[in-house]
Amino acid sequence: VQLQASGGGLVQAGGSRRLACVASGSIFSIYDMGWYRQAPGNQREWVAVITSGGRTNYADSVKGRFTMARDNAKKTVDLQMNSLKPEDTAVYYCNARLYDGRRNDYWGQGTQVTVSS
């Protein structure tokens, strides 16, 4: 599966931003889809996941502010980010994960989100 993330940009603290990830090349609905982020000098961290069955889970740092959704027909996942904080500044990566006896991870190219104070 190939992933293309978009929607990053500059936003003021307290504002909102919507990221999108479009998948191609495989059966999208079987993948668990996630968003990760990496701030300068930090390791990549998990942000949110939506399973193939539609269940969502969020990192504590974004819970209540970020919402993830998927559209299997369009092969897309969105990350709606509200009440953004400067500490949300990072490159955001879309991830597709499939277990077939082992874990298979696929990554998009990343999209930069910068939150100004």
N, C-alpha and C. Protein backbone atom coordinates (compact mmCIF):
# COMPACT_ATOMS: atom_id res chain seq x y z
N VAL A 1 0.85 -1.18 0.00
CA VAL A 1 0.00 0.00 0.00
C VAL A 1 0.89 1.24 0.00
N GLN A 2 0.50 2.24 -0.78
CA GLN A 2 1.21 3.53 -0.81
C GLN A 2 0.33 4.58 -0.14
N LEU A 3 0.96 5.46 0.61
CA LEU A 3 0.25 6.46 1.39
C LEU A 3 0.72 7.85 1.03
N GLN A 4 -0.22 8.77 0.92
CA GLN A 4 0.08 10.16 0.62
C GLN A 4 -0.64 11.03 1.63
N ALA A 5 0.14 11.71 2.46
CA ALA A 5 -0.43 12.58 3.49
C ALA A 5 -0.43 14.03 3.02
N SER A 6 -1.42 14.78 3.48
CA SER A 6 -1.50 16.18 3.12
C SER A 6 -2.26 16.93 4.21
N GLY A 7 -2.26 18.27 4.10
CA GLY A 7 -3.05 19.08 5.01
C GLY A 7 -2.24 19.85 6.03
N GLY A 8 -0.95 19.64 6.07
CA GLY A 8 -0.15 20.36 7.03
C GLY A 8 -0.04 21.83 6.68
N GLY A 9 0.49 22.58 7.63
CA GLY A 9 0.66 24.01 7.42
C GLY A 9 0.86 24.73 8.73
N LEU A 10 0.76 26.03 8.67
CA LEU A 10 0.95 26.89 9.84
C LEU A 10 -0.40 27.28 10.41
N VAL A 11 -0.56 27.12 11.71
CA VAL A 11 -1.82 27.45 12.36
C VAL A 11 -1.52 28.06 13.72
N GLN A 12 -2.37 28.96 14.14
CA GLN A 12 -2.18 29.59 15.45
C GLN A 12 -2.66 28.67 16.56
N ALA A 13 -2.08 28.84 17.71
CA ALA A 13 -2.52 28.06 18.87
C ALA A 13 -4.01 28.28 19.11
N GLY A 14 -4.68 27.18 19.41
CA GLY A 14 -6.12 27.22 19.58
C GLY A 14 -6.89 26.95 18.31
N GLY A 15 -6.20 26.94 17.21
CA GLY A 15 -6.84 26.72 15.93
C GLY A 15 -7.00 25.25 15.59
N SER A 16 -7.46 25.00 14.38
CA SER A 16 -7.72 23.65 13.92
C SER A 16 -7.02 23.37 12.60
N ARG A 17 -6.82 22.12 12.36
CA ARG A 17 -6.21 21.68 11.10
C ARG A 17 -6.70 20.27 10.84
N ARG A 18 -6.91 19.95 9.56
CA ARG A 18 -7.35 18.62 9.18
C ARG A 18 -6.31 18.00 8.26
N LEU A 19 -5.78 16.87 8.68
CA LEU A 19 -4.85 16.13 7.85
C LEU A 19 -5.59 15.01 7.13
N ALA A 20 -5.11 14.70 5.95
CA ALA A 20 -5.71 13.62 5.17
C ALA A 20 -4.61 12.68 4.69
N CYS A 21 -4.97 11.43 4.57
CA CYS A 21 -4.05 10.42 4.06
C CYS A 21 -4.82 9.57 3.06
N VAL A 22 -4.29 9.51 1.85
CA VAL A 22 -4.92 8.72 0.80
C VAL A 22 -4.06 7.51 0.53
N ALA A 23 -4.69 6.35 0.45
CA ALA A 23 -3.98 5.10 0.20
C ALA A 23 -4.27 4.62 -1.21
N SER A 24 -3.32 3.88 -1.74
CA SER A 24 -3.52 3.28 -3.05
C SER A 24 -2.76 1.97 -3.11
N GLY A 25 -3.17 1.11 -4.00
CA GLY A 25 -2.39 -0.06 -4.31
C GLY A 25 -2.73 -1.33 -3.55
N SER A 26 -3.70 -1.28 -2.65
CA SER A 26 -4.00 -2.50 -1.90
C SER A 26 -5.42 -2.41 -1.36
N ILE A 27 -5.83 -3.46 -0.71
CA ILE A 27 -7.16 -3.49 -0.10
C ILE A 27 -7.11 -2.68 1.19
N PHE A 28 -7.62 -1.47 1.15
CA PHE A 28 -7.45 -0.53 2.24
C PHE A 28 -8.14 -0.97 3.52
N SER A 29 -9.31 -1.57 3.40
CA SER A 29 -10.14 -1.81 4.58
C SER A 29 -9.55 -2.79 5.58
N ILE A 30 -8.57 -3.56 5.16
CA ILE A 30 -8.01 -4.57 6.07
C ILE A 30 -6.91 -4.00 6.96
N TYR A 31 -6.49 -2.77 6.68
CA TYR A 31 -5.38 -2.19 7.43
C TYR A 31 -5.88 -1.40 8.64
N ASP A 32 -5.15 -1.53 9.73
CA ASP A 32 -5.27 -0.55 10.80
C ASP A 32 -4.50 0.68 10.35
N MET A 33 -5.10 1.85 10.53
CA MET A 33 -4.48 3.09 10.07
C MET A 33 -4.14 3.96 11.27
N GLY A 34 -2.98 4.57 11.21
CA GLY A 34 -2.55 5.39 12.34
C GLY A 34 -1.90 6.68 11.89
N TRP A 35 -1.78 7.58 12.84
CA TRP A 35 -1.01 8.80 12.65
C TRP A 35 0.08 8.83 13.72
N TYR A 36 1.24 9.19 13.30
CA TYR A 36 2.38 9.39 14.18
C TYR A 36 2.92 10.79 13.92
N ARG A 37 3.74 11.26 14.84
CA ARG A 37 4.37 12.56 14.64
C ARG A 37 5.77 12.54 15.20
N GLN A 38 6.58 13.44 14.64
CA GLN A 38 7.96 13.56 15.10
C GLN A 38 8.34 15.02 15.13
N ALA A 39 8.64 15.50 16.33
CA ALA A 39 9.10 16.87 16.50
C ALA A 39 10.63 16.89 16.43
N PRO A 40 11.21 18.02 16.10
CA PRO A 40 12.68 18.11 15.99
C PRO A 40 13.35 17.65 17.28
N GLY A 41 14.32 16.75 17.14
CA GLY A 41 15.07 16.26 18.29
C GLY A 41 14.37 15.17 19.07
N ASN A 42 13.15 14.83 18.66
CA ASN A 42 12.38 13.80 19.38
C ASN A 42 12.21 12.55 18.52
N GLN A 43 11.88 11.48 19.20
CA GLN A 43 11.55 10.26 18.47
C GLN A 43 10.13 10.36 17.93
N ARG A 44 9.87 9.56 16.92
CA ARG A 44 8.53 9.51 16.38
C ARG A 44 7.59 8.91 17.44
N GLU A 45 6.45 9.55 17.62
CA GLU A 45 5.51 9.07 18.62
C GLU A 45 4.15 8.81 17.99
N TRP A 46 3.46 7.87 18.57
CA TRP A 46 2.13 7.51 18.11
C TRP A 46 1.14 8.57 18.55
N VAL A 47 0.18 8.88 17.67
CA VAL A 47 -0.83 9.90 17.95
C VAL A 47 -2.22 9.28 18.04
N ALA A 48 -2.59 8.50 17.02
CA ALA A 48 -3.95 7.97 16.98
C ALA A 48 -3.98 6.75 16.06
N VAL A 49 -4.99 5.93 16.27
CA VAL A 49 -5.19 4.76 15.42
C VAL A 49 -6.67 4.55 15.20
N ILE A 50 -7.01 4.05 14.02
CA ILE A 50 -8.35 3.56 13.75
C ILE A 50 -8.17 2.17 13.15
N THR A 51 -8.80 1.20 13.77
CA THR A 51 -8.60 -0.17 13.34
C THR A 51 -9.40 -0.46 12.08
N SER A 52 -9.16 -1.64 11.52
CA SER A 52 -9.92 -2.05 10.35
C SER A 52 -11.41 -2.17 10.69
N GLY A 53 -11.71 -2.39 11.95
CA GLY A 53 -13.09 -2.48 12.40
C GLY A 53 -13.69 -1.15 12.80
N GLY A 54 -12.90 -0.07 12.73
CA GLY A 54 -13.42 1.26 13.00
C GLY A 54 -13.25 1.76 14.42
N ARG A 55 -12.57 0.99 15.25
CA ARG A 55 -12.32 1.46 16.62
C ARG A 55 -11.16 2.44 16.64
N THR A 56 -11.30 3.49 17.45
CA THR A 56 -10.27 4.50 17.54
C THR A 56 -9.64 4.51 18.92
N ASN A 57 -8.41 4.98 18.94
CA ASN A 57 -7.71 5.18 20.20
C ASN A 57 -6.73 6.32 19.99
N TYR A 58 -6.48 7.07 21.07
CA TYR A 58 -5.68 8.28 20.96
C TYR A 58 -4.65 8.34 22.07
N ALA A 59 -3.53 8.96 21.77
CA ALA A 59 -2.55 9.25 22.80
C ALA A 59 -3.16 10.22 23.80
N ASP A 60 -2.75 10.10 25.03
CA ASP A 60 -3.30 10.97 26.07
C ASP A 60 -3.10 12.45 25.74
N SER A 61 -2.00 12.77 25.09
CA SER A 61 -1.68 14.16 24.79
C SER A 61 -2.64 14.81 23.80
N VAL A 62 -3.39 14.00 23.05
CA VAL A 62 -4.29 14.56 22.05
C VAL A 62 -5.74 14.17 22.29
N LYS A 63 -5.98 13.33 23.27
CA LYS A 63 -7.33 12.84 23.53
C LYS A 63 -8.25 14.00 23.83
N GLY A 64 -9.41 14.00 23.20
CA GLY A 64 -10.37 15.08 23.38
C GLY A 64 -10.17 16.24 22.42
N ARG A 65 -9.03 16.27 21.75
CA ARG A 65 -8.76 17.36 20.80
C ARG A 65 -8.67 16.86 19.36
N PHE A 66 -8.17 15.65 19.18
CA PHE A 66 -8.00 15.07 17.84
C PHE A 66 -9.04 13.99 17.61
N THR A 67 -9.49 13.89 16.38
CA THR A 67 -10.44 12.86 15.99
C THR A 67 -10.01 12.25 14.68
N MET A 68 -10.00 10.94 14.65
CA MET A 68 -9.60 10.22 13.45
C MET A 68 -10.80 9.51 12.84
N ALA A 69 -10.87 9.52 11.52
CA ALA A 69 -11.97 8.85 10.82
C ALA A 69 -11.42 8.22 9.55
N ARG A 70 -12.14 7.23 9.05
CA ARG A 70 -11.71 6.59 7.81
C ARG A 70 -12.90 6.42 6.88
N ASP A 71 -12.59 6.41 5.60
CA ASP A 71 -13.59 6.15 4.57
C ASP A 71 -13.01 5.07 3.68
N ASN A 72 -13.47 3.85 3.88
CA ASN A 72 -12.89 2.72 3.15
C ASN A 72 -13.17 2.80 1.66
N ALA A 73 -14.30 3.34 1.30
CA ALA A 73 -14.63 3.45 -0.12
C ALA A 73 -13.68 4.42 -0.84
N LYS A 74 -13.29 5.48 -0.16
CA LYS A 74 -12.38 6.46 -0.75
C LYS A 74 -10.92 6.16 -0.41
N LYS A 75 -10.68 5.17 0.46
CA LYS A 75 -9.33 4.81 0.88
C LYS A 75 -8.63 6.00 1.54
N THR A 76 -9.32 6.64 2.43
CA THR A 76 -8.75 7.80 3.10
C THR A 76 -8.92 7.69 4.62
N VAL A 77 -8.00 8.32 5.32
CA VAL A 77 -8.16 8.56 6.74
C VAL A 77 -7.89 10.03 6.99
N ASP A 78 -8.64 10.60 7.90
CA ASP A 78 -8.48 12.00 8.26
C ASP A 78 -8.09 12.10 9.73
N LEU A 79 -7.40 13.15 10.04
CA LEU A 79 -7.12 13.48 11.44
C LEU A 79 -7.54 14.92 11.64
N GLN A 80 -8.64 15.11 12.33
CA GLN A 80 -9.13 16.44 12.65
C GLN A 80 -8.47 16.87 13.96
N MET A 81 -7.72 17.96 13.90
CA MET A 81 -6.98 18.43 15.06
C MET A 81 -7.56 19.76 15.49
N ASN A 82 -8.08 19.81 16.69
CA ASN A 82 -8.66 21.02 17.25
C ASN A 82 -7.86 21.47 18.48
N SER A 83 -8.08 22.71 18.87
CA SER A 83 -7.41 23.27 20.06
C SER A 83 -5.91 23.00 20.02
N LEU A 84 -5.33 23.30 18.89
CA LEU A 84 -3.91 22.98 18.71
C LEU A 84 -3.03 23.80 19.64
N LYS A 85 -1.94 23.15 20.04
CA LYS A 85 -0.98 23.75 20.95
C LYS A 85 0.38 23.79 20.27
N PRO A 86 1.25 24.70 20.69
CA PRO A 86 2.60 24.73 20.09
C PRO A 86 3.31 23.38 20.19
N GLU A 87 3.05 22.63 21.24
CA GLU A 87 3.70 21.32 21.39
C GLU A 87 3.18 20.27 20.41
N ASP A 88 2.14 20.61 19.65
CA ASP A 88 1.67 19.72 18.59
C ASP A 88 2.50 19.90 17.31
N THR A 89 3.38 20.86 17.30
CA THR A 89 4.23 21.10 16.13
C THR A 89 5.10 19.88 15.86
N ALA A 90 5.01 19.37 14.65
CA ALA A 90 5.75 18.15 14.29
C ALA A 90 5.48 17.83 12.82
N VAL A 91 6.25 16.89 12.33
CA VAL A 91 5.91 16.27 11.05
C VAL A 91 4.99 15.09 11.36
N TYR A 92 3.84 15.07 10.72
CA TYR A 92 2.85 14.03 10.95
C TYR A 92 2.92 12.99 9.83
N TYR A 93 2.94 11.74 10.25
CA TYR A 93 3.07 10.64 9.31
C TYR A 93 1.85 9.73 9.37
N CYS A 94 1.39 9.34 8.22
CA CYS A 94 0.32 8.37 8.11
C CYS A 94 0.92 6.97 8.08
N ASN A 95 0.28 6.04 8.75
CA ASN A 95 0.79 4.68 8.85
C ASN A 95 -0.33 3.69 8.54
N ALA A 96 0.03 2.65 7.81
CA ALA A 96 -0.88 1.52 7.58
C ALA A 96 -0.21 0.28 8.14
N ARG A 97 -0.97 -0.47 8.88
CA ARG A 97 -0.40 -1.66 9.55
C ARG A 97 -1.27 -2.88 9.28
N LEU A 98 -0.58 -3.97 8.97
CA LEU A 98 -1.27 -5.22 8.69
C LEU A 98 -0.50 -6.36 9.35
N TYR A 99 -1.24 -7.22 10.01
CA TYR A 99 -0.65 -8.39 10.63
C TYR A 99 -1.01 -9.61 9.79
N ASP A 100 0.02 -10.31 9.31
CA ASP A 100 -0.19 -11.56 8.58
C ASP A 100 0.78 -12.60 9.10
N GLY A 101 0.85 -12.71 10.42
CA GLY A 101 1.84 -13.57 11.05
C GLY A 101 3.00 -12.74 11.55
N ARG A 102 3.17 -11.59 10.95
CA ARG A 102 4.14 -10.60 11.42
C ARG A 102 3.55 -9.22 11.14
N ARG A 103 4.15 -8.22 11.77
CA ARG A 103 3.65 -6.86 11.59
C ARG A 103 4.26 -6.23 10.36
N ASN A 104 3.42 -5.68 9.50
CA ASN A 104 3.87 -4.98 8.31
C ASN A 104 3.46 -3.51 8.43
N ASP A 105 4.43 -2.61 8.38
CA ASP A 105 4.17 -1.18 8.49
C ASP A 105 4.49 -0.48 7.18
N TYR A 106 3.61 0.42 6.80
CA TYR A 106 3.80 1.24 5.61
C TYR A 106 3.62 2.70 6.02
N TRP A 107 4.45 3.57 5.44
CA TRP A 107 4.47 4.96 5.87
C TRP A 107 4.28 5.91 4.69
N GLY A 108 3.59 7.00 4.96
CA GLY A 108 3.53 8.10 4.02
C GLY A 108 4.74 9.00 4.20
N GLN A 109 4.79 10.06 3.44
CA GLN A 109 5.98 10.92 3.39
C GLN A 109 6.02 11.97 4.48
N GLY A 110 4.96 12.17 5.22
CA GLY A 110 4.94 13.16 6.28
C GLY A 110 4.45 14.52 5.81
N THR A 111 3.77 15.21 6.70
CA THR A 111 3.31 16.57 6.41
C THR A 111 3.55 17.42 7.65
N GLN A 112 4.12 18.59 7.45
CA GLN A 112 4.54 19.44 8.56
C GLN A 112 3.36 20.25 9.11
N VAL A 113 3.19 20.18 10.41
CA VAL A 113 2.22 21.04 11.11
C VAL A 113 2.99 21.92 12.08
N THR A 114 2.82 23.21 11.95
CA THR A 114 3.48 24.16 12.83
C THR A 114 2.42 24.99 13.53
N VAL A 115 2.46 24.97 14.86
CA VAL A 115 1.48 25.72 15.65
C VAL A 115 2.22 26.88 16.32
N SER A 116 1.82 28.08 15.99
CA SER A 116 2.47 29.26 16.54
C SER A 116 1.74 29.72 17.80
N SER A 117 2.52 30.23 18.73
CA SER A 117 1.92 30.68 20.00
C SER A 117 1.49 32.13 19.93
